Amino acid sequence: MESKNPGSARLAHSVFFTLTDASDSACEALMAAAGKFLDGHDGCVSFAVGRRAEQYAREVNDATFHVALNMVFDSVAAHDAYQVAPRHLEFIESQKGNWSEVRVFDSFA
């Protein structure tokens, strides 16, 4: 596989939320807020948010989260701008009260 210049590579941003209140309504509220505040940022070429697929319970499946967010940015610069964007910061501020753990995995795509 060809090595990519990180400055021009796409960046996949995956976030896994473990919630204090993991009720259906709390999960739905987090997903709705993600759609409102996180979708549509400049340079975002893919956006998905959803609950963990509980039917997949193999040894390799991580079952320690409730909601996953997956975004792909067309560049590192677009991702970096997203990180400090007011809508992203508003999402964090409005939702962080129900997070017991947040794990972020960024990788070149």
C-alpha atoms as a PDB file:
ATOM      1  CA  MET A   1       0.000   0.000   0.000  1.00  0.00           C
ATOM      2  CA  GLU A   2       1.293   3.423  -0.924  1.00  0.00           C
ATOM      3  CA  SER A   3       2.214   5.757   1.933  1.00  0.00           C
ATOM      4  CA  LYS A   4       0.143   8.917   1.915  1.00  0.00           C
ATOM      5  CA  ASN A   5       1.220  12.420   2.747  1.00  0.00           C
ATOM      6  CA  PRO A   6      -0.756  13.127   5.948  1.00  0.00           C
ATOM      7  CA  GLY A   7      -1.343  16.699   4.779  1.00  0.00           C
ATOM      8  CA  SER A   8      -3.335  15.527   1.735  1.00  0.00           C
ATOM      9  CA  ALA A   9      -4.880  12.300   3.032  1.00  0.00           C
ATOM     10  CA  ARG A  10      -8.487  11.789   3.992  1.00  0.00           C
ATOM     11  CA  LEU A  11      -8.991  11.441   7.730  1.00  0.00           C
ATOM     12  CA  ALA A  12     -11.466   9.029   9.317  1.00  0.00           C
ATOM     13  CA  HIS A  13     -12.741  10.264  12.684  1.00  0.00           C
ATOM     14  CA  SER A  14     -14.505   7.576  14.737  1.00  0.00           C
ATOM     15  CA  VAL A  15     -15.926   8.348  18.174  1.00  0.00           C
ATOM     16  CA  PHE A  16     -17.436   5.812  20.568  1.00  0.00           C
ATOM     17  CA  PHE A  17     -19.675   7.128  23.347  1.00  0.00           C
ATOM     18  CA  THR A  18     -20.418   5.232  26.541  1.00  0.00           C
ATOM     19  CA  LEU A  19     -23.357   6.918  28.219  1.00  0.00           C
ATOM     20  CA  THR A  20     -24.262   7.271  31.875  1.00  0.00           C
ATOM     21  CA  ASP A  21     -27.929   7.028  30.883  1.00  0.00           C
ATOM     22  CA  ALA A  22     -28.092   4.576  27.988  1.00  0.00           C
ATOM     23  CA  SER A  23     -31.879   4.564  27.687  1.00  0.00           C
ATOM     24  CA  ASP A  24     -33.434   4.613  24.240  1.00  0.00           C
ATOM     25  CA  SER A  25     -34.378   8.273  24.667  1.00  0.00           C
ATOM     26  CA  ALA A  26     -30.859   9.288  25.753  1.00  0.00           C
ATOM     27  CA  CYS A  27     -29.265   7.460  22.815  1.00  0.00           C
ATOM     28  CA  GLU A  28     -31.778   9.047  20.431  1.00  0.00           C
ATOM     29  CA  ALA A  29     -31.050  12.493  21.905  1.00  0.00           C
ATOM     30  CA  LEU A  30     -27.299  12.072  21.366  1.00  0.00           C
ATOM     31  CA  MET A  31     -27.820  10.896  17.789  1.00  0.00           C
ATOM     32  CA  ALA A  32     -30.192  13.799  17.051  1.00  0.00           C
ATOM     33  CA  ALA A  33     -27.693  16.296  18.467  1.00  0.00           C
ATOM     34  CA  ALA A  34     -24.916  14.753  16.384  1.00  0.00           C
ATOM     35  CA  GLY A  35     -27.024  15.148  13.258  1.00  0.00           C
ATOM     36  CA  LYS A  36     -27.848  18.759  14.135  1.00  0.00           C
ATOM     37  CA  PHE A  37     -24.368  19.938  15.157  1.00  0.00           C
ATOM     38  CA  LEU A  38     -21.894  17.617  13.429  1.00  0.00           C
ATOM     39  CA  ASP A  39     -23.265  16.754   9.993  1.00  0.00           C
ATOM     40  CA  GLY A  40     -22.552  19.096   7.107  1.00  0.00           C
ATOM     41  CA  HIS A  41     -19.196  20.524   8.161  1.00  0.00           C
ATOM     42  CA  ASP A  42     -16.923  21.713   5.357  1.00  0.00           C
ATOM     43  CA  GLY A  43     -14.802  18.858   4.045  1.00  0.00           C
ATOM     44  CA  CYS A  44     -16.901  16.094   5.623  1.00  0.00           C
ATOM     45  CA  VAL A  45     -17.473  13.517   2.875  1.00  0.00           C
ATOM     46  CA  SER A  46     -19.132  10.852   5.021  1.00  0.00           C
ATOM     47  CA  PHE A  47     -21.230  11.080   8.196  1.00  0.00           C
ATOM     48  CA  ALA A  48     -22.903   8.292  10.164  1.00  0.00           C
ATOM     49  CA  VAL A  49     -24.147   8.023  13.738  1.00  0.00           C
ATOM     50  CA  GLY A  50     -25.906   5.052  15.273  1.00  0.00           C
ATOM     51  CA  ARG A  51     -26.345   2.683  18.163  1.00  0.00           C
ATOM     52  CA  ARG A  52     -24.109  -0.315  18.705  1.00  0.00           C
ATOM     53  CA  ALA A  53     -25.304  -3.331  16.722  1.00  0.00           C
ATOM     54  CA  GLU A  54     -25.920  -5.575  19.719  1.00  0.00           C
ATOM     55  CA  GLN A  55     -26.583  -8.659  17.592  1.00  0.00           C
ATOM     56  CA  TYR A  56     -22.855  -8.810  16.818  1.00  0.00           C
ATOM     57  CA  ALA A  57     -21.405 -10.353  19.947  1.00  0.00           C
ATOM     58  CA  ARG A  58     -18.310 -12.126  18.688  1.00  0.00           C
ATOM     59  CA  GLU A  59     -15.137 -12.193  20.798  1.00  0.00           C
ATOM     60  CA  VAL A  60     -13.670  -9.401  18.683  1.00  0.00           C
ATOM     61  CA  ASN A  61     -16.672  -7.043  19.011  1.00  0.00           C
ATOM     62  CA  ASP A  62     -16.283  -4.224  21.517  1.00  0.00           C
ATOM     63  CA  ALA A  63     -19.518  -3.988  23.512  1.00  0.00           C
ATOM     64  CA  THR A  64     -18.465  -1.154  25.817  1.00  0.00           C
ATOM     65  CA  PHE A  65     -20.133   1.716  23.950  1.00  0.00           C
ATOM     66  CA  HIS A  66     -23.703   2.758  23.200  1.00  0.00           C
ATOM     67  CA  VAL A  67     -23.442   5.172  20.253  1.00  0.00           C
ATOM     68  CA  ALA A  68     -20.843   5.434  17.479  1.00  0.00           C
ATOM     69  CA  LEU A  69     -20.055   8.424  15.297  1.00  0.00           C
ATOM     70  CA  ASN A  70     -18.109   7.943  12.071  1.00  0.00           C
ATOM     71  CA  MET A  71     -16.992  10.823   9.893  1.00  0.00           C
ATOM     72  CA  VAL A  72     -14.545  11.024   7.010  1.00  0.00           C
ATOM     73  CA  PHE A  73     -12.946  14.345   6.107  1.00  0.00           C
ATOM     74  CA  ASP A  74     -11.407  15.075   2.740  1.00  0.00           C
ATOM     75  CA  SER A  75      -8.239  16.394   4.410  1.00  0.00           C
ATOM     76  CA  VAL A  76      -6.449  16.748   7.709  1.00  0.00           C
ATOM     77  CA  ALA A  77      -7.047  20.501   7.463  1.00  0.00           C
ATOM     78  CA  ALA A  78     -10.826  19.977   7.219  1.00  0.00           C
ATOM     79  CA  HIS A  79     -10.741  17.729  10.288  1.00  0.00           C
ATOM     80  CA  ASP A  80      -8.647  20.232  12.218  1.00  0.00           C
ATOM     81  CA  ALA A  81     -11.071  23.058  11.352  1.00  0.00           C
ATOM     82  CA  TYR A  82     -13.995  20.873  12.483  1.00  0.00           C
ATOM     83  CA  GLN A  83     -12.376  20.315  15.869  1.00  0.00           C
ATOM     84  CA  VAL A  84     -12.591  24.024  16.728  1.00  0.00           C
ATOM     85  CA  ALA A  85     -15.817  24.826  14.852  1.00  0.00           C
ATOM     86  CA  PRO A  86     -18.505  26.453  17.029  1.00  0.00           C
ATOM     87  CA  ARG A  87     -21.124  23.793  16.139  1.00  0.00           C
ATOM     88  CA  HIS A  88     -18.753  21.005  17.205  1.00  0.00           C
ATOM     89  CA  LEU A  89     -17.994  22.758  20.480  1.00  0.00           C
ATOM     90  CA  GLU A  90     -21.727  23.345  21.058  1.00  0.00           C
ATOM     91  CA  PHE A  91     -22.358  19.624  20.543  1.00  0.00           C
ATOM     92  CA  ILE A  92     -19.754  18.752  23.167  1.00  0.00           C
ATOM     93  CA  GLU A  93     -21.088  21.284  25.656  1.00  0.00           C
ATOM     94  CA  SER A  94     -24.706  20.175  25.205  1.00  0.00           C
ATOM     95  CA  GLN A  95     -24.014  16.424  25.411  1.00  0.00           C
ATOM     96  CA  LYS A  96     -20.986  15.826  27.656  1.00  0.00           C
ATOM     97  CA  GLY A  97     -23.081  15.630  30.824  1.00  0.00           C
ATOM     98  CA  ASN A  98     -24.237  12.124  29.845  1.00  0.00           C
ATOM     99  CA  TRP A  99     -20.857  10.734  28.782  1.00  0.00           C
ATOM    100  CA  SER A 100     -19.121   8.281  31.082  1.00  0.00           C
ATOM    101  CA  GLU A 101     -16.437   7.603  28.470  1.00  0.00           C
ATOM    102  CA  VAL A 102     -15.580   8.865  25.008  1.00  0.00           C
ATOM    103  CA  ARG A 103     -12.996   7.120  22.836  1.00  0.00           C
ATOM    104  CA  VAL A 104     -11.721   8.731  19.643  1.00  0.00           C
ATOM    105  CA  PHE A 105      -9.933   6.891  16.854  1.00  0.00           C
ATOM    106  CA  ASP A 106      -8.469   8.984  14.035  1.00  0.00           C
ATOM    107  CA  SER A 107      -6.841   7.301  11.053  1.00  0.00           C
ATOM    108  CA  PHE A 108      -5.843   8.127   7.522  1.00  0.00           C
ATOM    109  CA  ALA A 109      -8.355   6.847   5.013  1.00  0.00           C
END
